[in-house]
Amino acid sequence: RQVRGFFANMLRLSQEGYDYDDEETISFPMVDRSPQDQNTQTKQQSPKPLKESEDWNTRFQKLISGDFCSFGDQEASAKKEIDRTTKLKELCVKFAQKASKIGVRIIKQRFIKEDDKTILPVDLGGFAGGEKYLRSGIFFKLSRDWFGLYGYDESVAMKVAEHELRGAMAYLDLGIEGLHTPLICIVRYRGHAVLAQSVVPIDQDTLIY
């Protein structure tokens, strides 16, 4: 319930919109760049190994999957559960804060030249989720319909991101042992959206669809 409550709160915030202090982020000049230009060449940034402090997924899975029940000592079990939920809340808050700061920067750099960007997209395959970014152990997807999957309607692309968040909540609700979901939230800023999730241990060999 604690984890699902976090997801629900993130969904609510994504719908209402975050309130940011522009002085904490860099302002960039806006340049004209068509989202429909599929031939635009972009620089790609290579993924870097995760630092222990950036491994959000490992910490999240340990907190959500641990067995904290003890039939012998109910008081000790209750204290462990309180400690677990406290640590889980702290992790979720830190993740949301880090994702929000980076997500806003990605959005603000969307319309500037590639050479001027401080966060570059990475080539991880696929294009349905929009441009992909990796930073601080978080996988970001900038909601863009740059290939016209939804008729170049970016409002639909943002709805797809919301459904991905709702899907994670639904899977989490099932409580199936061995079925894991990432730590995930949506950052909205000035009419744009970025889906942020913890980096998970998957690659081309683990994908089965």
N, C-alpha and C. Protein backbone atom coordinates (compact mmCIF):
# COMPACT_ATOMS: atom_id res chain seq x y z
N ARG A 1 0.83 -1.21 0.00
CA ARG A 1 0.00 0.00 0.00
C ARG A 1 0.87 1.26 0.00
N GLN A 2 1.99 1.20 0.73
CA GLN A 2 2.88 2.35 0.78
C GLN A 2 3.44 2.67 -0.60
N VAL A 3 3.88 1.62 -1.32
CA VAL A 3 4.46 1.83 -2.65
C VAL A 3 3.40 2.28 -3.63
N ARG A 4 2.23 1.63 -3.62
CA ARG A 4 1.18 2.01 -4.54
C ARG A 4 0.73 3.44 -4.26
N GLY A 5 0.74 3.82 -2.98
CA GLY A 5 0.38 5.19 -2.63
C GLY A 5 1.34 6.19 -3.24
N PHE A 6 2.63 5.80 -3.30
CA PHE A 6 3.62 6.66 -3.94
C PHE A 6 3.31 6.81 -5.42
N PHE A 7 3.04 5.67 -6.09
CA PHE A 7 2.70 5.73 -7.51
C PHE A 7 1.47 6.60 -7.74
N ALA A 8 0.45 6.41 -6.90
CA ALA A 8 -0.77 7.18 -7.06
C ALA A 8 -0.50 8.66 -6.87
N ASN A 9 0.36 8.98 -5.91
CA ASN A 9 0.70 10.38 -5.66
C ASN A 9 1.47 10.96 -6.84
N MET A 10 2.39 10.18 -7.41
CA MET A 10 3.13 10.64 -8.58
C MET A 10 2.19 10.89 -9.76
N LEU A 11 1.18 10.03 -9.91
CA LEU A 11 0.22 10.21 -10.99
C LEU A 11 -0.59 11.48 -10.77
N ARG A 12 -0.97 11.72 -9.51
CA ARG A 12 -1.73 12.93 -9.20
C ARG A 12 -0.90 14.17 -9.49
N LEU A 13 0.37 14.15 -9.09
CA LEU A 13 1.24 15.30 -9.32
C LEU A 13 1.46 15.51 -10.81
N SER A 14 1.56 14.39 -11.57
CA SER A 14 1.77 14.52 -13.00
C SER A 14 0.56 15.15 -13.68
N GLN A 15 -0.62 14.91 -13.13
CA GLN A 15 -1.83 15.47 -13.72
C GLN A 15 -2.01 16.93 -13.32
N GLU A 16 -1.61 17.25 -12.09
CA GLU A 16 -1.78 18.63 -11.61
C GLU A 16 -0.63 19.52 -12.07
N GLY A 17 0.55 18.93 -12.24
CA GLY A 17 1.74 19.68 -12.64
C GLY A 17 2.59 20.05 -11.44
N TYR A 18 3.92 19.97 -11.60
CA TYR A 18 4.84 20.33 -10.54
C TYR A 18 5.02 21.85 -10.52
N ASP A 19 5.46 22.34 -9.41
CA ASP A 19 5.76 23.76 -9.27
C ASP A 19 7.26 23.89 -9.10
N TYR A 20 7.94 24.50 -10.08
CA TYR A 20 9.38 24.57 -10.06
C TYR A 20 9.84 26.00 -9.91
N ASP A 21 11.01 26.14 -9.32
CA ASP A 21 11.67 27.43 -9.22
C ASP A 21 12.64 27.52 -10.39
N ASP A 22 12.35 28.39 -11.35
CA ASP A 22 13.18 28.48 -12.55
C ASP A 22 14.61 28.86 -12.25
N GLU A 23 14.85 29.51 -11.10
CA GLU A 23 16.21 29.94 -10.77
C GLU A 23 17.10 28.74 -10.47
N GLU A 24 16.50 27.59 -10.18
CA GLU A 24 17.29 26.41 -9.86
C GLU A 24 17.69 25.63 -11.11
N THR A 25 17.17 26.02 -12.27
CA THR A 25 17.51 25.35 -13.51
C THR A 25 18.02 26.38 -14.51
N ILE A 26 18.75 25.91 -15.50
CA ILE A 26 19.34 26.81 -16.47
C ILE A 26 18.34 27.17 -17.55
N SER A 27 18.30 28.43 -17.94
CA SER A 27 17.43 28.86 -19.03
C SER A 27 18.22 28.78 -20.34
N PHE A 28 17.56 28.34 -21.40
CA PHE A 28 18.21 28.18 -22.69
C PHE A 28 17.41 28.91 -23.75
N PRO A 29 18.09 29.48 -24.76
CA PRO A 29 17.38 30.12 -25.87
C PRO A 29 16.62 29.08 -26.68
N MET A 30 15.45 29.45 -27.17
CA MET A 30 14.62 28.54 -27.96
C MET A 30 14.97 28.70 -29.43
N VAL A 31 15.12 27.58 -30.12
CA VAL A 31 15.38 27.61 -31.56
C VAL A 31 14.32 26.78 -32.25
N ASP A 32 14.06 27.08 -33.50
CA ASP A 32 13.04 26.38 -34.26
C ASP A 32 13.58 25.03 -34.71
N ARG A 33 12.90 23.97 -34.27
CA ARG A 33 13.29 22.63 -34.69
C ARG A 33 12.04 21.77 -34.80
N SER A 34 11.74 21.31 -35.99
CA SER A 34 10.52 20.57 -36.23
C SER A 34 10.60 19.18 -35.64
N PRO A 35 9.59 18.77 -34.83
CA PRO A 35 9.59 17.41 -34.28
C PRO A 35 9.34 16.35 -35.34
N GLN A 36 8.91 16.78 -36.54
CA GLN A 36 8.61 15.82 -37.61
C GLN A 36 9.82 15.54 -38.49
N ASP A 37 10.94 16.21 -38.21
CA ASP A 37 12.13 15.98 -39.02
C ASP A 37 12.82 14.72 -38.56
N GLN A 38 12.57 13.60 -39.24
CA GLN A 38 13.10 12.31 -38.84
C GLN A 38 14.55 12.14 -39.28
N ASN A 39 15.05 13.03 -40.15
CA ASN A 39 16.39 12.87 -40.66
C ASN A 39 17.42 13.66 -39.86
N THR A 40 16.97 14.33 -38.80
CA THR A 40 17.88 15.12 -37.98
C THR A 40 18.87 14.21 -37.27
N GLN A 41 20.16 14.48 -37.41
CA GLN A 41 21.19 13.70 -36.76
C GLN A 41 21.42 14.24 -35.36
N THR A 42 21.46 13.36 -34.38
CA THR A 42 21.69 13.79 -33.00
C THR A 42 22.90 13.05 -32.45
N LYS A 43 23.61 13.75 -31.55
CA LYS A 43 24.71 13.10 -30.86
C LYS A 43 24.15 12.13 -29.84
N GLN A 44 24.85 11.03 -29.63
CA GLN A 44 24.40 10.02 -28.68
C GLN A 44 25.40 9.93 -27.54
N GLN A 45 24.89 9.74 -26.36
CA GLN A 45 25.72 9.62 -25.18
C GLN A 45 25.74 8.16 -24.74
N SER A 46 26.93 7.62 -24.49
CA SER A 46 27.06 6.22 -24.10
C SER A 46 26.68 6.04 -22.64
N PRO A 47 25.90 4.98 -22.30
CA PRO A 47 25.55 4.70 -20.92
C PRO A 47 26.79 4.43 -20.08
N LYS A 48 26.76 4.88 -18.81
CA LYS A 48 27.87 4.68 -17.89
C LYS A 48 27.46 3.71 -16.79
N PRO A 49 28.44 2.99 -16.21
CA PRO A 49 28.11 2.08 -15.10
C PRO A 49 27.47 2.82 -13.94
N LEU A 50 26.55 2.17 -13.26
CA LEU A 50 25.84 2.80 -12.15
C LEU A 50 26.72 2.86 -10.91
N LYS A 51 26.63 3.98 -10.20
CA LYS A 51 27.23 4.06 -8.88
C LYS A 51 26.26 3.42 -7.88
N GLU A 52 26.79 3.02 -6.75
CA GLU A 52 25.93 2.37 -5.76
C GLU A 52 24.80 3.29 -5.33
N SER A 53 25.10 4.58 -5.18
CA SER A 53 24.07 5.54 -4.74
C SER A 53 23.02 5.78 -5.80
N GLU A 54 23.31 5.40 -7.08
CA GLU A 54 22.38 5.61 -8.18
C GLU A 54 21.59 4.35 -8.52
N ASP A 55 21.86 3.26 -7.81
CA ASP A 55 21.16 2.01 -8.12
C ASP A 55 19.80 2.01 -7.40
N TRP A 56 18.88 2.81 -7.92
CA TRP A 56 17.56 2.95 -7.32
C TRP A 56 16.82 1.63 -7.31
N ASN A 57 16.96 0.86 -8.39
CA ASN A 57 16.18 -0.36 -8.52
C ASN A 57 16.52 -1.39 -7.46
N THR A 58 17.81 -1.61 -7.21
CA THR A 58 18.20 -2.60 -6.21
C THR A 58 17.66 -2.24 -4.84
N ARG A 59 17.78 -0.98 -4.48
CA ARG A 59 17.28 -0.53 -3.17
C ARG A 59 15.76 -0.65 -3.10
N PHE A 60 15.10 -0.31 -4.19
CA PHE A 60 13.64 -0.38 -4.23
C PHE A 60 13.15 -1.82 -4.10
N GLN A 61 13.76 -2.73 -4.87
CA GLN A 61 13.32 -4.14 -4.84
C GLN A 61 13.56 -4.77 -3.47
N LYS A 62 14.66 -4.40 -2.82
CA LYS A 62 14.94 -4.95 -1.49
C LYS A 62 13.88 -4.52 -0.49
N LEU A 63 13.46 -3.26 -0.59
CA LEU A 63 12.47 -2.74 0.36
C LEU A 63 11.07 -3.28 0.09
N ILE A 64 10.74 -3.46 -1.18
CA ILE A 64 9.38 -3.88 -1.51
C ILE A 64 9.21 -5.39 -1.45
N SER A 65 10.31 -6.14 -1.61
CA SER A 65 10.20 -7.59 -1.69
C SER A 65 10.58 -8.31 -0.41
N GLY A 66 11.11 -7.60 0.56
CA GLY A 66 11.57 -8.25 1.77
C GLY A 66 10.44 -8.83 2.61
N ASP A 67 10.73 -9.92 3.31
CA ASP A 67 9.77 -10.56 4.21
C ASP A 67 10.01 -10.03 5.62
N PHE A 68 9.12 -9.18 6.07
CA PHE A 68 9.29 -8.53 7.36
C PHE A 68 8.31 -9.06 8.41
N CYS A 69 7.64 -10.15 8.10
CA CYS A 69 6.66 -10.70 9.03
C CYS A 69 7.34 -11.64 10.02
N SER A 70 6.93 -11.57 11.26
CA SER A 70 7.47 -12.46 12.29
C SER A 70 6.33 -12.86 13.20
N PHE A 71 6.00 -14.16 13.20
CA PHE A 71 4.89 -14.63 14.02
C PHE A 71 5.30 -14.75 15.49
N GLY A 72 6.61 -14.82 15.76
CA GLY A 72 7.05 -14.99 17.14
C GLY A 72 7.03 -13.72 17.94
N ASP A 73 7.32 -12.60 17.31
CA ASP A 73 7.42 -11.32 18.03
C ASP A 73 6.72 -10.26 17.20
N GLN A 74 5.47 -9.99 17.52
CA GLN A 74 4.67 -9.03 16.75
C GLN A 74 5.21 -7.61 16.91
N GLU A 75 5.70 -7.29 18.11
CA GLU A 75 6.23 -5.94 18.33
C GLU A 75 7.46 -5.69 17.47
N ALA A 76 8.36 -6.69 17.43
CA ALA A 76 9.56 -6.55 16.60
C ALA A 76 9.19 -6.47 15.13
N SER A 77 8.19 -7.27 14.72
CA SER A 77 7.74 -7.24 13.34
C SER A 77 7.16 -5.88 12.97
N ALA A 78 6.41 -5.30 13.88
CA ALA A 78 5.81 -3.98 13.63
C ALA A 78 6.90 -2.92 13.49
N LYS A 79 7.93 -3.00 14.33
CA LYS A 79 9.02 -2.03 14.25
C LYS A 79 9.76 -2.15 12.94
N LYS A 80 9.97 -3.41 12.49
CA LYS A 80 10.63 -3.61 11.20
C LYS A 80 9.81 -3.06 10.06
N GLU A 81 8.49 -3.23 10.13
CA GLU A 81 7.61 -2.73 9.07
C GLU A 81 7.62 -1.21 9.03
N ILE A 82 7.62 -0.59 10.21
CA ILE A 82 7.69 0.87 10.27
C ILE A 82 9.01 1.36 9.69
N ASP A 83 10.10 0.67 10.03
CA ASP A 83 11.41 1.04 9.51
C ASP A 83 11.45 0.87 8.00
N ARG A 84 10.85 -0.20 7.50
CA ARG A 84 10.82 -0.46 6.06
C ARG A 84 10.05 0.62 5.31
N THR A 85 8.86 0.94 5.80
CA THR A 85 8.04 1.93 5.10
C THR A 85 8.66 3.32 5.18
N THR A 86 9.35 3.62 6.27
CA THR A 86 10.03 4.90 6.40
C THR A 86 11.15 5.01 5.37
N LYS A 87 11.95 3.95 5.25
CA LYS A 87 13.04 3.94 4.27
C LYS A 87 12.49 3.98 2.85
N LEU A 88 11.37 3.31 2.63
CA LEU A 88 10.75 3.29 1.31
C LEU A 88 10.25 4.68 0.92
N LYS A 89 9.64 5.36 1.87
CA LYS A 89 9.17 6.71 1.61
C LYS A 89 10.33 7.65 1.31
N GLU A 90 11.41 7.53 2.09
CA GLU A 90 12.58 8.37 1.86
C GLU A 90 13.18 8.12 0.48
N LEU A 91 13.24 6.85 0.08
CA LEU A 91 13.77 6.51 -1.23
C LEU A 91 12.90 7.09 -2.34
N CYS A 92 11.59 6.97 -2.19
CA CYS A 92 10.67 7.49 -3.21
C CYS A 92 10.77 9.00 -3.34
N VAL A 93 10.88 9.69 -2.22
CA VAL A 93 10.99 11.15 -2.24
C VAL A 93 12.29 11.57 -2.91
N LYS A 94 13.40 10.92 -2.57
CA LYS A 94 14.69 11.24 -3.19
C LYS A 94 14.66 10.97 -4.69
N PHE A 95 14.02 9.86 -5.07
CA PHE A 95 13.92 9.53 -6.49
C PHE A 95 13.11 10.59 -7.23
N ALA A 96 11.99 10.99 -6.66
CA ALA A 96 11.13 11.99 -7.30
C ALA A 96 11.85 13.33 -7.42
N GLN A 97 12.60 13.70 -6.40
CA GLN A 97 13.33 14.96 -6.44
C GLN A 97 14.42 14.94 -7.51
N LYS A 98 15.18 13.85 -7.55
CA LYS A 98 16.23 13.73 -8.56
C LYS A 98 15.65 13.68 -9.96
N ALA A 99 14.59 12.89 -10.15
CA ALA A 99 13.95 12.78 -11.46
C ALA A 99 13.37 14.10 -11.92
N SER A 100 12.79 14.86 -10.98
CA SER A 100 12.19 16.15 -11.32
C SER A 100 13.24 17.14 -11.79
N LYS A 101 14.35 17.20 -11.07
CA LYS A 101 15.41 18.14 -11.42
C LYS A 101 15.97 17.84 -12.81
N ILE A 102 16.26 16.56 -13.08
CA ILE A 102 16.83 16.19 -14.37
C ILE A 102 15.78 16.28 -15.47
N GLY A 103 14.55 15.85 -15.16
CA GLY A 103 13.48 15.89 -16.15
C GLY A 103 13.20 17.29 -16.65
N VAL A 104 13.19 18.26 -15.75
CA VAL A 104 12.97 19.66 -16.14
C VAL A 104 14.09 20.13 -17.05
N ARG A 105 15.32 19.74 -16.73
CA ARG A 105 16.45 20.15 -17.55
C ARG A 105 16.35 19.55 -18.96
N ILE A 106 15.92 18.30 -19.05
CA ILE A 106 15.75 17.66 -20.36
C ILE A 106 14.71 18.40 -21.18
N ILE A 107 13.60 18.76 -20.54
CA ILE A 107 12.54 19.48 -21.25
C ILE A 107 13.02 20.86 -21.69
N LYS A 108 13.73 21.55 -20.83
CA LYS A 108 14.18 22.91 -21.16
C LYS A 108 15.22 22.90 -22.28
N GLN A 109 15.91 21.77 -22.46
CA GLN A 109 16.91 21.69 -23.51
C GLN A 109 16.36 21.08 -24.80
N ARG A 110 15.08 20.84 -24.83
CA ARG A 110 14.50 20.12 -25.97
C ARG A 110 14.69 20.85 -27.29
N PHE A 111 14.56 22.17 -27.31
CA PHE A 111 14.56 22.91 -28.56
C PHE A 111 15.88 23.63 -28.84
N ILE A 112 16.95 23.23 -28.17
CA ILE A 112 18.23 23.87 -28.44
C ILE A 112 19.10 22.93 -29.28
N LYS A 113 20.18 23.45 -29.81
CA LYS A 113 21.07 22.66 -30.65
C LYS A 113 21.73 21.56 -29.82
N GLU A 114 22.02 20.45 -30.48
CA GLU A 114 22.62 19.31 -29.79
C GLU A 114 23.94 19.67 -29.12
N ASP A 115 24.73 20.52 -29.77
CA ASP A 115 26.04 20.89 -29.23
C ASP A 115 25.92 21.69 -27.94
N ASP A 116 24.76 22.28 -27.70
CA ASP A 116 24.57 23.10 -26.51
C ASP A 116 23.92 22.34 -25.36
N LYS A 117 23.52 21.11 -25.60
CA LYS A 117 22.85 20.34 -24.57
C LYS A 117 23.85 19.76 -23.56
N THR A 118 23.45 19.72 -22.30
CA THR A 118 24.28 19.12 -21.25
C THR A 118 23.85 17.69 -20.96
N ILE A 119 22.66 17.31 -21.40
CA ILE A 119 22.18 15.93 -21.27
C ILE A 119 21.80 15.45 -22.66
N LEU A 120 22.52 14.46 -23.16
CA LEU A 120 22.30 13.98 -24.52
C LEU A 120 21.49 12.69 -24.51
N PRO A 121 20.70 12.46 -25.57
CA PRO A 121 19.93 11.20 -25.67
C PRO A 121 20.85 10.01 -25.87
N VAL A 122 20.36 8.83 -25.54
CA VAL A 122 21.11 7.59 -25.73
C VAL A 122 20.33 6.69 -26.68
N ASP A 123 21.07 5.89 -27.43
CA ASP A 123 20.44 4.97 -28.38
C ASP A 123 20.23 3.63 -27.71
N LEU A 124 18.98 3.38 -27.28
CA LEU A 124 18.65 2.13 -26.62
C LEU A 124 17.64 1.32 -27.43
N GLY A 125 17.40 1.75 -28.67
CA GLY A 125 16.45 1.04 -29.53
C GLY A 125 15.03 1.48 -29.27
N GLY A 126 14.19 1.31 -30.27
CA GLY A 126 12.78 1.68 -30.14
C GLY A 126 12.57 3.17 -30.27
N PHE A 127 11.33 3.55 -30.60
CA PHE A 127 11.03 4.98 -30.74
C PHE A 127 9.64 5.33 -30.25
N ALA A 128 8.86 4.35 -29.78
CA ALA A 128 7.48 4.62 -29.36
C ALA A 128 7.42 5.53 -28.14
N GLY A 129 8.39 5.41 -27.24
CA GLY A 129 8.35 6.18 -26.00
C GLY A 129 8.96 7.56 -26.10
N GLY A 130 9.54 7.89 -27.26
CA GLY A 130 10.19 9.17 -27.42
C GLY A 130 11.69 9.07 -27.22
N GLU A 131 12.35 10.21 -27.10
CA GLU A 131 13.80 10.23 -26.90
C GLU A 131 14.15 9.64 -25.53
N LYS A 132 15.24 8.85 -25.50
CA LYS A 132 15.66 8.20 -24.27
C LYS A 132 16.90 8.89 -23.70
N TYR A 133 16.94 8.96 -22.37
CA TYR A 133 18.07 9.55 -21.68
C TYR A 133 18.42 8.70 -20.46
N LEU A 134 19.69 8.70 -20.07
CA LEU A 134 20.14 8.04 -18.87
C LEU A 134 20.96 9.03 -18.05
N ARG A 135 20.58 9.19 -16.80
CA ARG A 135 21.33 10.09 -15.92
C ARG A 135 21.05 9.72 -14.47
N SER A 136 22.10 9.57 -13.70
CA SER A 136 22.01 9.30 -12.25
C SER A 136 21.20 8.04 -11.94
N GLY A 137 21.36 7.02 -12.76
CA GLY A 137 20.67 5.76 -12.52
C GLY A 137 19.19 5.78 -12.86
N ILE A 138 18.75 6.80 -13.60
CA ILE A 138 17.35 6.95 -13.97
C ILE A 138 17.22 6.95 -15.49
N PHE A 139 16.26 6.19 -15.99
CA PHE A 139 15.97 6.10 -17.42
C PHE A 139 14.82 7.05 -17.73
N PHE A 140 15.06 8.01 -18.60
CA PHE A 140 14.06 9.02 -18.95
C PHE A 140 13.57 8.82 -20.38
N LYS A 141 12.26 9.01 -20.56
CA LYS A 141 11.68 9.00 -21.90
C LYS A 141 10.89 10.30 -22.10
N LEU A 142 11.40 11.14 -22.99
CA LEU A 142 10.73 12.39 -23.31
C LEU A 142 9.56 12.10 -24.23
N SER A 143 8.35 12.38 -23.77
CA SER A 143 7.13 12.03 -24.51
C SER A 143 7.03 12.87 -25.78
N ARG A 144 7.41 12.26 -26.90
CA ARG A 144 7.34 12.91 -28.20
C ARG A 144 6.81 11.93 -29.23
N ASP A 145 5.98 12.44 -30.12
CA ASP A 145 5.51 11.60 -31.22
C ASP A 145 6.28 11.99 -32.47
N TRP A 146 7.59 11.82 -32.41
CA TRP A 146 8.45 12.30 -33.50
C TRP A 146 8.44 11.41 -34.73
N PHE A 147 7.84 10.21 -34.65
CA PHE A 147 7.72 9.34 -35.81
C PHE A 147 6.27 9.24 -36.29
N GLY A 148 5.39 10.04 -35.72
CA GLY A 148 4.02 10.08 -36.20
C GLY A 148 3.17 8.88 -35.87
N LEU A 149 3.52 8.15 -34.82
CA LEU A 149 2.72 6.98 -34.44
C LEU A 149 1.31 7.37 -34.03
N TYR A 150 1.17 8.57 -33.49
CA TYR A 150 -0.14 9.04 -33.02
C TYR A 150 -0.57 10.29 -33.79
N GLY A 151 -0.16 10.36 -35.06
CA GLY A 151 -0.53 11.50 -35.88
C GLY A 151 0.20 12.76 -35.50
N TYR A 152 1.41 12.64 -34.97
CA TYR A 152 2.21 13.77 -34.49
C TYR A 152 1.49 14.58 -33.42
N ASP A 153 0.67 13.89 -32.65
CA ASP A 153 -0.06 14.52 -31.55
C ASP A 153 0.66 14.19 -30.24
N GLU A 154 1.37 15.16 -29.70
CA GLU A 154 2.19 14.89 -28.52
C GLU A 154 1.34 14.77 -27.25
N SER A 155 0.12 15.26 -27.28
CA SER A 155 -0.76 15.06 -26.13
C SER A 155 -1.08 13.58 -25.97
N VAL A 156 -1.18 12.87 -27.10
CA VAL A 156 -1.42 11.43 -27.06
C VAL A 156 -0.17 10.72 -26.53
N ALA A 157 1.01 11.19 -26.94
CA ALA A 157 2.25 10.59 -26.46
C ALA A 157 2.36 10.73 -24.94
N MET A 158 1.90 11.84 -24.40
CA MET A 158 1.93 12.03 -22.95
C MET A 158 0.92 11.12 -22.26
N LYS A 159 -0.21 10.87 -22.91
CA LYS A 159 -1.20 9.94 -22.34
C LYS A 159 -0.64 8.52 -22.30
N VAL A 160 0.16 8.17 -23.31
CA VAL A 160 0.80 6.86 -23.32
C VAL A 160 1.71 6.71 -22.10
N ALA A 161 2.43 7.76 -21.77
CA ALA A 161 3.31 7.74 -20.59
C ALA A 161 2.48 7.54 -19.32
N GLU A 162 1.33 8.20 -19.24
CA GLU A 162 0.46 8.04 -18.08
C GLU A 162 -0.05 6.61 -17.97
N HIS A 163 -0.37 6.00 -19.11
CA HIS A 163 -0.85 4.62 -19.08
C HIS A 163 0.26 3.66 -18.66
N GLU A 164 1.50 4.00 -19.00
CA GLU A 164 2.62 3.16 -18.55
C GLU A 164 2.74 3.21 -17.03
N LEU A 165 2.53 4.38 -16.46
CA LEU A 165 2.55 4.51 -15.00
C LEU A 165 1.38 3.76 -14.38
N ARG A 166 0.20 3.90 -14.97
CA ARG A 166 -0.97 3.18 -14.46
C ARG A 166 -0.76 1.67 -14.56
N GLY A 167 -0.12 1.23 -15.64
CA GLY A 167 0.15 -0.19 -15.81
C GLY A 167 1.07 -0.72 -14.71
N ALA A 168 2.09 0.07 -14.36
CA ALA A 168 2.99 -0.34 -13.28
C ALA A 168 2.23 -0.46 -11.96
N MET A 169 1.31 0.47 -11.73
CA MET A 169 0.49 0.41 -10.51
C MET A 169 -0.38 -0.84 -10.50
N ALA A 170 -0.94 -1.18 -11.66
CA ALA A 170 -1.82 -2.34 -11.75
C ALA A 170 -1.05 -3.64 -11.50
N TYR A 171 0.13 -3.75 -12.10
CA TYR A 171 0.95 -4.94 -11.88
C TYR A 171 1.38 -5.05 -10.43
N LEU A 172 1.72 -3.92 -9.82
CA LEU A 172 2.13 -3.92 -8.42
C LEU A 172 1.00 -4.41 -7.53
N ASP A 173 -0.23 -4.04 -7.88
CA ASP A 173 -1.40 -4.44 -7.10
C ASP A 173 -1.63 -5.95 -7.11
N LEU A 174 -1.14 -6.63 -8.15
CA LEU A 174 -1.37 -8.07 -8.25
C LEU A 174 -0.64 -8.85 -7.16
N GLY A 175 0.47 -8.31 -6.69
CA GLY A 175 1.21 -8.98 -5.63
C GLY A 175 1.76 -10.33 -6.02
N ILE A 176 2.16 -10.50 -7.28
CA ILE A 176 2.68 -11.78 -7.75
C ILE A 176 4.16 -11.89 -7.42
N GLU A 177 4.52 -12.96 -6.73
CA GLU A 177 5.92 -13.16 -6.37
C GLU A 177 6.77 -13.35 -7.62
N GLY A 178 7.86 -12.62 -7.68
CA GLY A 178 8.75 -12.70 -8.84
C GLY A 178 8.42 -11.72 -9.94
N LEU A 179 7.28 -11.04 -9.84
CA LEU A 179 6.91 -10.02 -10.82
C LEU A 179 7.30 -8.65 -10.26
N HIS A 180 8.22 -7.99 -10.91
CA HIS A 180 8.77 -6.73 -10.38
C HIS A 180 8.42 -5.55 -11.29
N THR A 181 8.25 -4.41 -10.68
CA THR A 181 8.04 -3.16 -11.41
C THR A 181 9.11 -2.17 -10.99
N PRO A 182 9.49 -1.25 -11.88
CA PRO A 182 10.51 -0.27 -11.51
C PRO A 182 9.91 0.86 -10.68
N LEU A 183 10.78 1.61 -10.06
CA LEU A 183 10.38 2.85 -9.41
C LEU A 183 10.13 3.85 -10.54
N ILE A 184 8.97 4.49 -10.57
CA ILE A 184 8.58 5.25 -11.75
C ILE A 184 7.74 6.47 -11.38
N CYS A 185 7.91 7.55 -12.13
CA CYS A 185 7.08 8.75 -11.96
C CYS A 185 7.08 9.53 -13.26
N ILE A 186 6.20 10.50 -13.35
CA ILE A 186 6.12 11.38 -14.53
C ILE A 186 6.42 12.81 -14.10
N VAL A 187 7.28 13.46 -14.84
CA VAL A 187 7.61 14.87 -14.60
C VAL A 187 6.95 15.70 -15.69
N ARG A 188 6.12 16.64 -15.31
CA ARG A 188 5.48 17.55 -16.26
C ARG A 188 6.02 18.96 -16.05
N TYR A 189 6.30 19.62 -17.17
CA TYR A 189 6.84 20.98 -17.08
C TYR A 189 6.49 21.75 -18.35
N ARG A 190 5.78 22.84 -18.20
CA ARG A 190 5.44 23.73 -19.32
C ARG A 190 4.85 23.00 -20.52
N GLY A 191 3.92 22.11 -20.24
CA GLY A 191 3.20 21.43 -21.31
C GLY A 191 3.90 20.22 -21.90
N HIS A 192 5.02 19.83 -21.31
CA HIS A 192 5.74 18.65 -21.77
C HIS A 192 5.82 17.65 -20.64
N ALA A 193 6.14 16.40 -20.99
CA ALA A 193 6.19 15.35 -19.97
C ALA A 193 7.38 14.43 -20.23
N VAL A 194 7.97 13.97 -19.13
CA VAL A 194 9.07 13.00 -19.17
C VAL A 194 8.73 11.86 -18.21
N LEU A 195 8.78 10.64 -18.71
CA LEU A 195 8.59 9.47 -17.86
C LEU A 195 9.96 9.08 -17.31
N ALA A 196 10.05 8.95 -15.99
CA ALA A 196 11.31 8.59 -15.35
C ALA A 196 11.15 7.29 -14.58
N GLN A 197 12.08 6.37 -14.76
CA GLN A 197 12.02 5.11 -14.04
C GLN A 197 13.42 4.64 -13.69
N SER A 198 13.52 3.86 -12.63
CA SER A 198 14.81 3.33 -12.23
C SER A 198 15.34 2.39 -13.30
N VAL A 199 16.65 2.42 -13.51
CA VAL A 199 17.27 1.51 -14.47
C VAL A 199 17.15 0.09 -13.97
N VAL A 200 16.65 -0.80 -14.82
CA VAL A 200 16.43 -2.20 -14.43
C VAL A 200 17.40 -3.11 -15.19
N PRO A 201 17.71 -4.28 -14.64
CA PRO A 201 18.69 -5.19 -15.27
C PRO A 201 18.12 -5.98 -16.44
N ILE A 202 17.86 -5.29 -17.54
CA ILE A 202 17.37 -5.96 -18.75
C ILE A 202 18.25 -5.55 -19.93
N ASP A 203 18.26 -6.37 -20.95
CA ASP A 203 18.97 -6.07 -22.18
C ASP A 203 18.27 -6.80 -23.33
N GLN A 204 18.91 -6.83 -24.49
CA GLN A 204 18.29 -7.46 -25.65
C GLN A 204 18.03 -8.95 -25.44
N ASP A 205 18.81 -9.59 -24.58
CA ASP A 205 18.66 -11.01 -24.33
C ASP A 205 17.50 -11.34 -23.40
N THR A 206 17.06 -10.34 -22.59
CA THR A 206 16.01 -10.61 -21.63
C THR A 206 14.62 -10.26 -22.16
N LEU A 207 14.56 -9.46 -23.21
CA LEU A 207 13.27 -9.07 -23.79
C LEU A 207 12.66 -10.25 -24.53
N ILE A 208 11.38 -10.52 -24.28
CA ILE A 208 10.75 -11.70 -24.89
C ILE A 208 9.53 -11.35 -25.73
N TYR A 209 9.32 -10.08 -26.04
CA TYR A 209 8.17 -9.73 -26.86
C TYR A 209 8.63 -9.09 -28.16
